[in-house]
Amino acid sequence: MATSDATDDYNELINAWLYRLGRYTLIFLILVVPYLSILRYNGFFENYNVNNARYMISSLIQSEAAMISIIVASSLIVLRLSPRSIVASEVRRFRESPDLWILLGIYLVAMGYGLVTLNTLGMGTTEENIVSNFQIAFVLYLGIFAFASIIPYVWNLLSLMEESALATSVPIEDEEEGEKEEKKEKAKKKK
């Protein structure tokens, strides 16, 4: 029986990861078409200023780092707001939830690729500048995707808070009913 429960938990965890990865992949693909059409319309692939691109990518990396620290801090605040009786189960559920880990991975890839591009930007010949244009466009796209990925994460975080609130309201109601029953029993004993 114990191995069946462990297998069910494992299968549930794998299904959650696959579902969430599919959701973030869908967001990634939905954003590609409008982004590329805007870049093509504005002529981004023909010319760019290296200094402007460096400042823009540097600012993007800094904002991504700030956002990831805000996300982690808010997640820990949500855990801290959970009642003490269910904190251990909430921490385990939160740790096993793929949303935070996927979001951290997205931000780390976006920041890492941005740093590599920032380091290699402006070196080379005209042929390599075409590659640089593509790299810059992809860095900007990863930044947009990383910011868009916050939406499902926050949605899931709010649902986690809602479930936590529901979990705390049930025991309180049970305690109130128990106290009412105890008072009735005491009243019967006095009679």
N, C-alpha and C. Protein backbone atom coordinates (compact mmCIF):
# COMPACT_ATOMS: atom_id res chain seq x y z
N MET A 1 0.83 -1.19 0.00
CA MET A 1 0.00 0.00 0.00
C MET A 1 0.87 1.26 0.00
N ALA A 2 1.98 1.23 0.74
CA ALA A 2 2.84 2.40 0.83
C ALA A 2 3.51 2.70 -0.51
N THR A 3 3.91 1.64 -1.23
CA THR A 3 4.54 1.88 -2.53
C THR A 3 3.54 2.43 -3.54
N SER A 4 2.28 2.04 -3.41
CA SER A 4 1.25 2.56 -4.29
C SER A 4 1.04 4.05 -4.05
N ASP A 5 1.03 4.46 -2.79
CA ASP A 5 0.89 5.88 -2.47
C ASP A 5 2.09 6.67 -2.96
N ALA A 6 3.29 6.10 -2.80
CA ALA A 6 4.50 6.78 -3.27
C ALA A 6 4.49 6.91 -4.79
N THR A 7 4.04 5.87 -5.46
CA THR A 7 3.95 5.91 -6.93
C THR A 7 2.91 6.93 -7.38
N ASP A 8 1.78 6.97 -6.69
CA ASP A 8 0.75 7.96 -7.02
C ASP A 8 1.27 9.38 -6.81
N ASP A 9 1.99 9.61 -5.71
CA ASP A 9 2.56 10.94 -5.45
C ASP A 9 3.57 11.32 -6.52
N TYR A 10 4.39 10.34 -6.91
CA TYR A 10 5.39 10.59 -7.94
C TYR A 10 4.72 10.91 -9.28
N ASN A 11 3.71 10.14 -9.64
CA ASN A 11 2.98 10.39 -10.90
C ASN A 11 2.29 11.74 -10.87
N GLU A 12 1.74 12.11 -9.72
CA GLU A 12 1.09 13.41 -9.58
C GLU A 12 2.09 14.54 -9.73
N LEU A 13 3.28 14.35 -9.17
CA LEU A 13 4.33 15.36 -9.28
C LEU A 13 4.80 15.50 -10.72
N ILE A 14 4.98 14.39 -11.40
CA ILE A 14 5.41 14.43 -12.82
C ILE A 14 4.34 15.10 -13.67
N ASN A 15 3.08 14.77 -13.43
CA ASN A 15 1.99 15.40 -14.19
C ASN A 15 1.93 16.89 -13.94
N ALA A 16 2.16 17.32 -12.70
CA ALA A 16 2.16 18.75 -12.38
C ALA A 16 3.29 19.46 -13.12
N TRP A 17 4.48 18.84 -13.13
CA TRP A 17 5.61 19.44 -13.84
C TRP A 17 5.32 19.54 -15.34
N LEU A 18 4.79 18.47 -15.94
CA LEU A 18 4.52 18.50 -17.37
C LEU A 18 3.45 19.53 -17.72
N TYR A 19 2.41 19.62 -16.89
CA TYR A 19 1.35 20.59 -17.13
C TYR A 19 1.89 22.01 -17.06
N ARG A 20 2.67 22.29 -16.02
CA ARG A 20 3.20 23.64 -15.86
C ARG A 20 4.21 23.99 -16.94
N LEU A 21 5.08 23.04 -17.30
CA LEU A 21 6.02 23.29 -18.40
C LEU A 21 5.28 23.56 -19.70
N GLY A 22 4.20 22.83 -19.93
CA GLY A 22 3.39 23.07 -21.12
C GLY A 22 2.77 24.46 -21.12
N ARG A 23 2.33 24.90 -19.94
CA ARG A 23 1.73 26.23 -19.84
C ARG A 23 2.76 27.32 -20.14
N TYR A 24 3.96 27.19 -19.57
CA TYR A 24 4.99 28.20 -19.83
C TYR A 24 5.48 28.14 -21.27
N THR A 25 5.52 26.96 -21.87
CA THR A 25 5.88 26.84 -23.27
C THR A 25 4.84 27.51 -24.15
N LEU A 26 3.59 27.36 -23.80
CA LEU A 26 2.52 28.01 -24.55
C LEU A 26 2.65 29.54 -24.48
N ILE A 27 2.96 30.05 -23.31
CA ILE A 27 3.19 31.50 -23.17
C ILE A 27 4.35 31.93 -24.06
N PHE A 28 5.42 31.13 -24.05
CA PHE A 28 6.60 31.43 -24.85
C PHE A 28 6.23 31.51 -26.34
N LEU A 29 5.45 30.54 -26.80
CA LEU A 29 5.09 30.50 -28.22
C LEU A 29 4.07 31.58 -28.60
N ILE A 30 3.16 31.90 -27.71
CA ILE A 30 2.16 32.93 -28.01
C ILE A 30 2.82 34.30 -28.16
N LEU A 31 3.87 34.56 -27.41
CA LEU A 31 4.52 35.86 -27.48
C LEU A 31 5.45 36.02 -28.68
N VAL A 32 5.85 34.93 -29.32
CA VAL A 32 6.82 34.99 -30.42
C VAL A 32 6.30 35.78 -31.61
N VAL A 33 5.11 35.47 -32.07
CA VAL A 33 4.59 36.06 -33.31
C VAL A 33 4.45 37.59 -33.21
N PRO A 34 3.78 38.11 -32.17
CA PRO A 34 3.69 39.57 -32.11
C PRO A 34 5.04 40.23 -31.94
N TYR A 35 5.92 39.60 -31.18
CA TYR A 35 7.24 40.18 -30.95
C TYR A 35 8.04 40.27 -32.24
N LEU A 36 8.10 39.18 -32.99
CA LEU A 36 8.86 39.20 -34.25
C LEU A 36 8.24 40.13 -35.28
N SER A 37 6.92 40.21 -35.32
CA SER A 37 6.29 41.12 -36.28
C SER A 37 6.58 42.58 -35.93
N ILE A 38 6.61 42.90 -34.65
CA ILE A 38 6.95 44.27 -34.25
C ILE A 38 8.40 44.59 -34.60
N LEU A 39 9.29 43.64 -34.36
CA LEU A 39 10.69 43.87 -34.70
C LEU A 39 10.89 44.03 -36.21
N ARG A 40 10.23 43.20 -36.97
CA ARG A 40 10.36 43.27 -38.43
C ARG A 40 9.78 44.59 -38.94
N TYR A 41 8.66 45.01 -38.40
CA TYR A 41 8.00 46.24 -38.84
C TYR A 41 8.88 47.46 -38.52
N ASN A 42 9.53 47.46 -37.38
CA ASN A 42 10.37 48.59 -36.97
C ASN A 42 11.77 48.54 -37.56
N GLY A 43 12.11 47.51 -38.31
CA GLY A 43 13.44 47.43 -38.92
C GLY A 43 14.55 47.16 -37.94
N PHE A 44 14.25 46.44 -36.89
CA PHE A 44 15.25 46.20 -35.86
C PHE A 44 16.42 45.37 -36.37
N PHE A 45 16.18 44.48 -37.31
CA PHE A 45 17.23 43.58 -37.77
C PHE A 45 18.21 44.25 -38.72
N GLU A 46 17.92 45.46 -39.19
CA GLU A 46 18.82 46.12 -40.12
C GLU A 46 19.90 46.94 -39.42
N ASN A 47 19.52 47.64 -38.36
CA ASN A 47 20.52 48.49 -37.70
C ASN A 47 20.24 48.60 -36.22
N TYR A 48 21.28 48.88 -35.48
CA TYR A 48 21.16 49.10 -34.05
C TYR A 48 22.40 49.83 -33.57
N ASN A 49 22.31 50.42 -32.44
CA ASN A 49 23.43 51.10 -31.82
C ASN A 49 23.96 50.20 -30.70
N VAL A 50 25.24 49.87 -30.76
CA VAL A 50 25.83 48.94 -29.80
C VAL A 50 25.76 49.48 -28.37
N ASN A 51 26.03 50.74 -28.20
CA ASN A 51 26.02 51.32 -26.85
C ASN A 51 24.61 51.31 -26.25
N ASN A 52 23.63 51.67 -27.08
CA ASN A 52 22.24 51.62 -26.59
C ASN A 52 21.84 50.20 -26.22
N ALA A 53 22.24 49.24 -27.05
CA ALA A 53 21.91 47.84 -26.77
C ALA A 53 22.56 47.38 -25.48
N ARG A 54 23.79 47.78 -25.23
CA ARG A 54 24.47 47.39 -23.99
C ARG A 54 23.75 47.95 -22.77
N TYR A 55 23.38 49.21 -22.82
CA TYR A 55 22.67 49.81 -21.68
C TYR A 55 21.30 49.15 -21.47
N MET A 56 20.64 48.88 -22.57
CA MET A 56 19.32 48.27 -22.48
C MET A 56 19.40 46.86 -21.90
N ILE A 57 20.35 46.07 -22.38
CA ILE A 57 20.50 44.70 -21.86
C ILE A 57 20.94 44.72 -20.41
N SER A 58 21.83 45.62 -20.07
CA SER A 58 22.27 45.73 -18.68
C SER A 58 21.11 46.09 -17.75
N SER A 59 20.29 47.03 -18.17
CA SER A 59 19.11 47.40 -17.38
C SER A 59 18.13 46.24 -17.27
N LEU A 60 17.96 45.51 -18.35
CA LEU A 60 17.06 44.36 -18.35
C LEU A 60 17.54 43.30 -17.37
N ILE A 61 18.82 43.01 -17.36
CA ILE A 61 19.37 42.00 -16.44
C ILE A 61 19.19 42.45 -14.99
N GLN A 62 19.42 43.72 -14.72
CA GLN A 62 19.24 44.24 -13.36
C GLN A 62 17.78 44.16 -12.92
N SER A 63 16.88 44.48 -13.82
CA SER A 63 15.45 44.41 -13.46
C SER A 63 15.00 42.97 -13.27
N GLU A 64 15.55 42.06 -14.05
CA GLU A 64 15.22 40.64 -13.86
C GLU A 64 15.72 40.14 -12.50
N ALA A 65 16.91 40.56 -12.12
CA ALA A 65 17.44 40.17 -10.80
C ALA A 65 16.57 40.74 -9.68
N ALA A 66 16.13 41.98 -9.84
CA ALA A 66 15.26 42.58 -8.83
C ALA A 66 13.92 41.86 -8.76
N MET A 67 13.37 41.51 -9.91
CA MET A 67 12.08 40.82 -9.94
C MET A 67 12.16 39.45 -9.28
N ILE A 68 13.24 38.73 -9.51
CA ILE A 68 13.36 37.40 -8.92
C ILE A 68 13.50 37.50 -7.41
N SER A 69 14.16 38.53 -6.92
CA SER A 69 14.24 38.70 -5.46
C SER A 69 12.88 39.07 -4.87
N ILE A 70 12.11 39.86 -5.58
CA ILE A 70 10.76 40.21 -5.12
C ILE A 70 9.86 38.97 -5.13
N ILE A 71 9.99 38.15 -6.14
CA ILE A 71 9.17 36.94 -6.25
C ILE A 71 9.48 35.98 -5.11
N VAL A 72 10.76 35.75 -4.85
CA VAL A 72 11.13 34.84 -3.77
C VAL A 72 10.69 35.40 -2.42
N ALA A 73 10.88 36.70 -2.21
CA ALA A 73 10.46 37.31 -0.95
C ALA A 73 8.95 37.22 -0.75
N SER A 74 8.19 37.50 -1.80
CA SER A 74 6.73 37.41 -1.65
C SER A 74 6.28 35.97 -1.42
N SER A 75 6.95 35.03 -2.03
CA SER A 75 6.61 33.62 -1.80
C SER A 75 6.86 33.23 -0.35
N LEU A 76 7.97 33.70 0.21
CA LEU A 76 8.27 33.40 1.60
C LEU A 76 7.29 34.10 2.55
N ILE A 77 6.84 35.28 2.17
CA ILE A 77 5.83 35.98 2.98
C ILE A 77 4.53 35.21 2.98
N VAL A 78 4.15 34.67 1.83
CA VAL A 78 2.93 33.86 1.76
C VAL A 78 3.04 32.66 2.68
N LEU A 79 4.19 32.01 2.68
CA LEU A 79 4.38 30.88 3.59
C LEU A 79 4.33 31.32 5.05
N ARG A 80 4.88 32.46 5.33
CA ARG A 80 4.91 32.96 6.70
C ARG A 80 3.49 33.32 7.18
N LEU A 81 2.63 33.76 6.28
CA LEU A 81 1.27 34.12 6.65
C LEU A 81 0.39 32.90 6.91
N SER A 82 0.86 31.73 6.50
CA SER A 82 0.09 30.51 6.77
C SER A 82 0.10 30.25 8.27
N PRO A 83 -0.99 29.71 8.78
CA PRO A 83 -1.04 29.40 10.21
C PRO A 83 0.01 28.36 10.58
N ARG A 84 0.45 28.41 11.81
CA ARG A 84 1.53 27.54 12.27
C ARG A 84 1.20 26.05 12.12
N SER A 85 -0.04 25.67 12.24
CA SER A 85 -0.39 24.26 12.20
C SER A 85 -0.20 23.64 10.83
N ILE A 86 -0.27 24.44 9.79
CA ILE A 86 -0.14 23.85 8.46
C ILE A 86 1.11 24.34 7.73
N VAL A 87 2.01 25.02 8.42
CA VAL A 87 3.20 25.54 7.77
C VAL A 87 4.05 24.41 7.19
N ALA A 88 4.23 23.33 7.93
CA ALA A 88 5.08 22.24 7.44
C ALA A 88 4.51 21.64 6.15
N SER A 89 3.21 21.42 6.11
CA SER A 89 2.63 20.85 4.89
C SER A 89 2.66 21.86 3.74
N GLU A 90 2.49 23.14 4.05
CA GLU A 90 2.55 24.17 3.02
C GLU A 90 3.96 24.29 2.45
N VAL A 91 4.96 24.21 3.31
CA VAL A 91 6.35 24.29 2.85
C VAL A 91 6.66 23.12 1.93
N ARG A 92 6.23 21.93 2.31
CA ARG A 92 6.46 20.75 1.48
C ARG A 92 5.74 20.89 0.14
N ARG A 93 4.49 21.33 0.18
CA ARG A 93 3.73 21.53 -1.06
C ARG A 93 4.34 22.60 -1.95
N PHE A 94 4.79 23.66 -1.31
CA PHE A 94 5.40 24.76 -2.04
C PHE A 94 6.73 24.33 -2.65
N ARG A 95 7.51 23.56 -1.89
CA ARG A 95 8.81 23.08 -2.38
C ARG A 95 8.63 22.12 -3.55
N GLU A 96 7.59 21.30 -3.52
CA GLU A 96 7.35 20.34 -4.59
C GLU A 96 6.62 20.95 -5.79
N SER A 97 6.05 22.12 -5.62
CA SER A 97 5.34 22.78 -6.71
C SER A 97 6.34 23.24 -7.77
N PRO A 98 6.08 22.95 -9.02
CA PRO A 98 7.05 23.30 -10.07
C PRO A 98 7.08 24.78 -10.44
N ASP A 99 6.08 25.55 -10.03
CA ASP A 99 5.99 26.93 -10.50
C ASP A 99 7.20 27.79 -10.13
N LEU A 100 7.58 27.75 -8.88
CA LEU A 100 8.72 28.58 -8.45
C LEU A 100 10.00 28.14 -9.15
N TRP A 101 10.19 26.84 -9.29
CA TRP A 101 11.43 26.34 -9.89
C TRP A 101 11.47 26.65 -11.38
N ILE A 102 10.35 26.55 -12.05
CA ILE A 102 10.31 26.89 -13.48
C ILE A 102 10.58 28.38 -13.65
N LEU A 103 9.95 29.20 -12.82
CA LEU A 103 10.15 30.64 -12.92
C LEU A 103 11.61 31.02 -12.63
N LEU A 104 12.20 30.41 -11.62
CA LEU A 104 13.62 30.66 -11.34
C LEU A 104 14.48 30.24 -12.53
N GLY A 105 14.16 29.10 -13.14
CA GLY A 105 14.91 28.65 -14.30
C GLY A 105 14.79 29.61 -15.47
N ILE A 106 13.58 30.10 -15.71
CA ILE A 106 13.37 31.06 -16.80
C ILE A 106 14.20 32.31 -16.56
N TYR A 107 14.16 32.83 -15.35
CA TYR A 107 14.91 34.04 -15.05
C TYR A 107 16.41 33.82 -15.12
N LEU A 108 16.88 32.66 -14.64
CA LEU A 108 18.32 32.39 -14.70
C LEU A 108 18.80 32.24 -16.14
N VAL A 109 18.02 31.59 -16.99
CA VAL A 109 18.38 31.46 -18.40
C VAL A 109 18.38 32.84 -19.07
N ALA A 110 17.35 33.64 -18.79
CA ALA A 110 17.27 34.98 -19.40
C ALA A 110 18.44 35.85 -18.96
N MET A 111 18.75 35.82 -17.68
CA MET A 111 19.87 36.64 -17.19
C MET A 111 21.20 36.11 -17.71
N GLY A 112 21.38 34.80 -17.72
CA GLY A 112 22.63 34.22 -18.21
C GLY A 112 22.86 34.51 -19.69
N TYR A 113 21.83 34.32 -20.50
CA TYR A 113 21.97 34.61 -21.92
C TYR A 113 22.20 36.11 -22.15
N GLY A 114 21.55 36.93 -21.35
CA GLY A 114 21.77 38.37 -21.46
C GLY A 114 23.21 38.75 -21.12
N LEU A 115 23.77 38.12 -20.10
CA LEU A 115 25.16 38.42 -19.73
C LEU A 115 26.14 37.96 -20.81
N VAL A 116 25.90 36.79 -21.39
CA VAL A 116 26.77 36.31 -22.47
C VAL A 116 26.68 37.24 -23.66
N THR A 117 25.48 37.65 -24.02
CA THR A 117 25.30 38.57 -25.14
C THR A 117 25.94 39.92 -24.85
N LEU A 118 25.78 40.39 -23.64
CA LEU A 118 26.37 41.67 -23.24
C LEU A 118 27.88 41.62 -23.35
N ASN A 119 28.45 40.48 -23.00
CA ASN A 119 29.91 40.32 -23.05
C ASN A 119 30.43 40.28 -24.49
N THR A 120 29.68 39.69 -25.40
CA THR A 120 30.16 39.54 -26.78
C THR A 120 29.66 40.62 -27.72
N LEU A 121 28.88 41.56 -27.23
CA LEU A 121 28.25 42.55 -28.10
C LEU A 121 29.28 43.53 -28.66
N GLY A 122 29.20 43.77 -29.96
CA GLY A 122 30.03 44.77 -30.61
C GLY A 122 31.39 44.26 -31.04
N MET A 123 31.69 43.00 -30.78
CA MET A 123 32.96 42.44 -31.23
C MET A 123 32.75 41.79 -32.59
N GLY A 124 33.58 42.10 -33.54
CA GLY A 124 33.52 41.37 -34.80
C GLY A 124 33.18 42.21 -36.00
N THR A 125 32.90 41.50 -37.09
CA THR A 125 32.68 42.12 -38.39
C THR A 125 31.20 42.35 -38.64
N THR A 126 30.88 42.80 -39.84
CA THR A 126 29.50 43.08 -40.21
C THR A 126 28.65 41.82 -40.23
N GLU A 127 29.22 40.70 -40.68
CA GLU A 127 28.46 39.45 -40.69
C GLU A 127 28.08 39.04 -39.27
N GLU A 128 28.99 39.28 -38.35
CA GLU A 128 28.71 38.92 -36.96
C GLU A 128 27.72 39.90 -36.33
N ASN A 129 27.59 41.09 -36.89
CA ASN A 129 26.61 42.04 -36.37
C ASN A 129 25.18 41.56 -36.62
N ILE A 130 24.97 40.81 -37.70
CA ILE A 130 23.64 40.24 -37.95
C ILE A 130 23.30 39.26 -36.83
N VAL A 131 24.30 38.46 -36.45
CA VAL A 131 24.10 37.54 -35.33
C VAL A 131 23.86 38.34 -34.06
N SER A 132 24.56 39.43 -33.87
CA SER A 132 24.38 40.27 -32.70
C SER A 132 22.96 40.83 -32.65
N ASN A 133 22.44 41.24 -33.81
CA ASN A 133 21.05 41.73 -33.85
C ASN A 133 20.09 40.64 -33.37
N PHE A 134 20.33 39.44 -33.85
CA PHE A 134 19.48 38.32 -33.43
C PHE A 134 19.63 38.05 -31.95
N GLN A 135 20.85 38.10 -31.44
CA GLN A 135 21.09 37.88 -30.01
C GLN A 135 20.40 38.95 -29.17
N ILE A 136 20.49 40.17 -29.60
CA ILE A 136 19.84 41.26 -28.86
C ILE A 136 18.33 41.06 -28.86
N ALA A 137 17.80 40.73 -30.02
CA ALA A 137 16.35 40.50 -30.11
C ALA A 137 15.93 39.35 -29.22
N PHE A 138 16.74 38.29 -29.15
CA PHE A 138 16.39 37.14 -28.33
C PHE A 138 16.52 37.48 -26.84
N VAL A 139 17.49 38.29 -26.47
CA VAL A 139 17.62 38.72 -25.07
C VAL A 139 16.39 39.51 -24.66
N LEU A 140 15.97 40.42 -25.51
CA LEU A 140 14.78 41.21 -25.21
C LEU A 140 13.54 40.33 -25.13
N TYR A 141 13.45 39.36 -26.02
CA TYR A 141 12.31 38.44 -25.99
C TYR A 141 12.30 37.62 -24.71
N LEU A 142 13.46 37.12 -24.30
CA LEU A 142 13.53 36.37 -23.04
C LEU A 142 13.11 37.23 -21.85
N GLY A 143 13.45 38.52 -21.90
CA GLY A 143 13.01 39.42 -20.84
C GLY A 143 11.50 39.58 -20.81
N ILE A 144 10.91 39.74 -21.98
CA ILE A 144 9.45 39.85 -22.06
C ILE A 144 8.79 38.56 -21.59
N PHE A 145 9.35 37.43 -22.01
CA PHE A 145 8.81 36.13 -21.61
C PHE A 145 8.94 35.94 -20.09
N ALA A 146 10.07 36.34 -19.53
CA ALA A 146 10.26 36.19 -18.09
C ALA A 146 9.23 37.03 -17.32
N PHE A 147 8.99 38.24 -17.76
CA PHE A 147 8.00 39.08 -17.09
C PHE A 147 6.59 38.53 -17.28
N ALA A 148 6.30 37.99 -18.46
CA ALA A 148 4.97 37.41 -18.70
C ALA A 148 4.77 36.13 -17.88
N SER A 149 5.86 35.44 -17.56
CA SER A 149 5.76 34.21 -16.79
C SER A 149 5.38 34.45 -15.33
N ILE A 150 5.46 35.67 -14.90
CA ILE A 150 5.07 35.99 -13.52
C ILE A 150 3.56 35.82 -13.34
N ILE A 151 2.80 36.06 -14.38
CA ILE A 151 1.34 36.02 -14.27
C ILE A 151 0.83 34.66 -13.81
N PRO A 152 1.19 33.54 -14.47
CA PRO A 152 0.69 32.26 -13.94
C PRO A 152 1.26 31.91 -12.58
N TYR A 153 2.48 32.36 -12.30
CA TYR A 153 3.06 32.08 -10.99
C TYR A 153 2.25 32.78 -9.89
N VAL A 154 1.94 34.05 -10.10
CA VAL A 154 1.16 34.79 -9.11
C VAL A 154 -0.23 34.19 -8.96
N TRP A 155 -0.81 33.76 -10.07
CA TRP A 155 -2.12 33.11 -10.03
C TRP A 155 -2.08 31.87 -9.13
N ASN A 156 -1.05 31.04 -9.32
CA ASN A 156 -0.92 29.84 -8.50
C ASN A 156 -0.59 30.17 -7.05
N LEU A 157 0.16 31.23 -6.83
CA LEU A 157 0.48 31.65 -5.46
C LEU A 157 -0.79 32.12 -4.74
N LEU A 158 -1.64 32.84 -5.45
CA LEU A 158 -2.91 33.28 -4.85
C LEU A 158 -3.83 32.10 -4.57
N SER A 159 -3.84 31.11 -5.47
CA SER A 159 -4.66 29.93 -5.19
C SER A 159 -4.11 29.15 -4.01
N LEU A 160 -2.80 29.15 -3.83
CA LEU A 160 -2.20 28.50 -2.67
C LEU A 160 -2.62 29.22 -1.39
N MET A 161 -2.66 30.56 -1.44
CA MET A 161 -3.11 31.32 -0.28
C MET A 161 -4.58 31.04 0.01
N GLU A 162 -5.38 30.92 -1.04
CA GLU A 162 -6.81 30.65 -0.87
C GLU A 162 -7.02 29.27 -0.24
N GLU A 163 -6.29 28.27 -0.72
CA GLU A 163 -6.39 26.94 -0.15
C GLU A 163 -5.93 26.94 1.30
N SER A 164 -4.90 27.72 1.59
CA SER A 164 -4.41 27.82 2.96
C SER A 164 -5.45 28.46 3.86
N ALA A 165 -6.13 29.48 3.34
CA ALA A 165 -7.18 30.14 4.12
C ALA A 165 -8.35 29.19 4.36
N LEU A 166 -8.69 28.40 3.35
CA LEU A 166 -9.76 27.43 3.52
C LEU A 166 -9.38 26.36 4.53
N ALA A 167 -8.13 25.96 4.51
CA ALA A 167 -7.67 24.92 5.43
C ALA A 167 -7.72 25.43 6.87
N THR A 168 -7.48 26.72 7.07
CA THR A 168 -7.52 27.24 8.42
C THR A 168 -8.94 27.52 8.89
N SER A 169 -9.85 27.80 7.96
CA SER A 169 -11.22 28.11 8.38
C SER A 169 -11.97 26.87 8.82
N VAL A 170 -11.65 25.73 8.26
CA VAL A 170 -12.35 24.49 8.62
C VAL A 170 -12.07 24.09 10.07
N PRO A 171 -10.80 24.06 10.53
CA PRO A 171 -10.58 23.70 11.93
C PRO A 171 -11.20 24.68 12.91
N ILE A 172 -11.24 25.95 12.56
CA ILE A 172 -11.83 26.93 13.47
C ILE A 172 -13.32 26.65 13.63
N GLU A 173 -14.00 26.34 12.54
CA GLU A 173 -15.42 26.02 12.63
C GLU A 173 -15.63 24.75 13.44
N ASP A 174 -14.75 23.76 13.25
CA ASP A 174 -14.86 22.53 14.02
C ASP A 174 -14.66 22.79 15.50
N GLU A 175 -13.71 23.68 15.84
CA GLU A 175 -13.47 24.00 17.23
C GLU A 175 -14.68 24.70 17.84
N GLU A 176 -15.29 25.61 17.08
CA GLU A 176 -16.46 26.32 17.58
C GLU A 176 -17.60 25.34 17.83
N GLU A 177 -17.80 24.40 16.90
CA GLU A 177 -18.85 23.40 17.10
C GLU A 177 -18.54 22.53 18.29
N GLY A 178 -17.27 22.18 18.47
CA GLY A 178 -16.86 21.37 19.62
C GLY A 178 -17.09 22.10 20.92
N GLU A 179 -16.78 23.40 20.94
CA GLU A 179 -17.00 24.20 22.14
C GLU A 179 -18.49 24.29 22.45
N LYS A 180 -19.33 24.43 21.42
CA LYS A 180 -20.78 24.50 21.63
C LYS A 180 -21.29 23.19 22.22
N GLU A 181 -20.77 22.07 21.69
CA GLU A 181 -21.20 20.77 22.20
C GLU A 181 -20.76 20.59 23.65
N GLU A 182 -19.53 21.05 23.99
CA GLU A 182 -19.06 20.94 25.37
C GLU A 182 -19.93 21.77 26.31
N LYS A 183 -20.30 22.96 25.86
CA LYS A 183 -21.17 23.80 26.69
C LYS A 183 -22.52 23.15 26.90
N LYS A 184 -23.07 22.51 25.85
CA LYS A 184 -24.36 21.81 25.99
C LYS A 184 -24.23 20.65 26.97
N GLU A 185 -23.12 19.91 26.89
CA GLU A 185 -22.92 18.79 27.80
C GLU A 185 -22.79 19.28 29.25
N LYS A 186 -22.06 20.37 29.45
CA LYS A 186 -21.91 20.93 30.79
C LYS A 186 -23.26 21.40 31.33
N ALA A 187 -24.06 21.99 30.44
CA ALA A 187 -25.39 22.46 30.86
C ALA A 187 -26.27 21.27 31.24
N LYS A 188 -26.17 20.15 30.50
CA LYS A 188 -26.94 18.95 30.83
C LYS A 188 -26.48 18.36 32.15
N LYS A 189 -25.19 18.38 32.42
CA LYS A 189 -24.66 17.82 33.67
C LYS A 189 -25.12 18.66 34.88
N LYS A 190 -25.23 19.96 34.69
CA LYS A 190 -25.67 20.82 35.79
C LYS A 190 -27.12 20.57 36.14
N LYS A 191 -27.93 20.16 35.16
CA LYS A 191 -29.35 19.91 35.41
C LYS A 191 -29.46 18.66 36.18
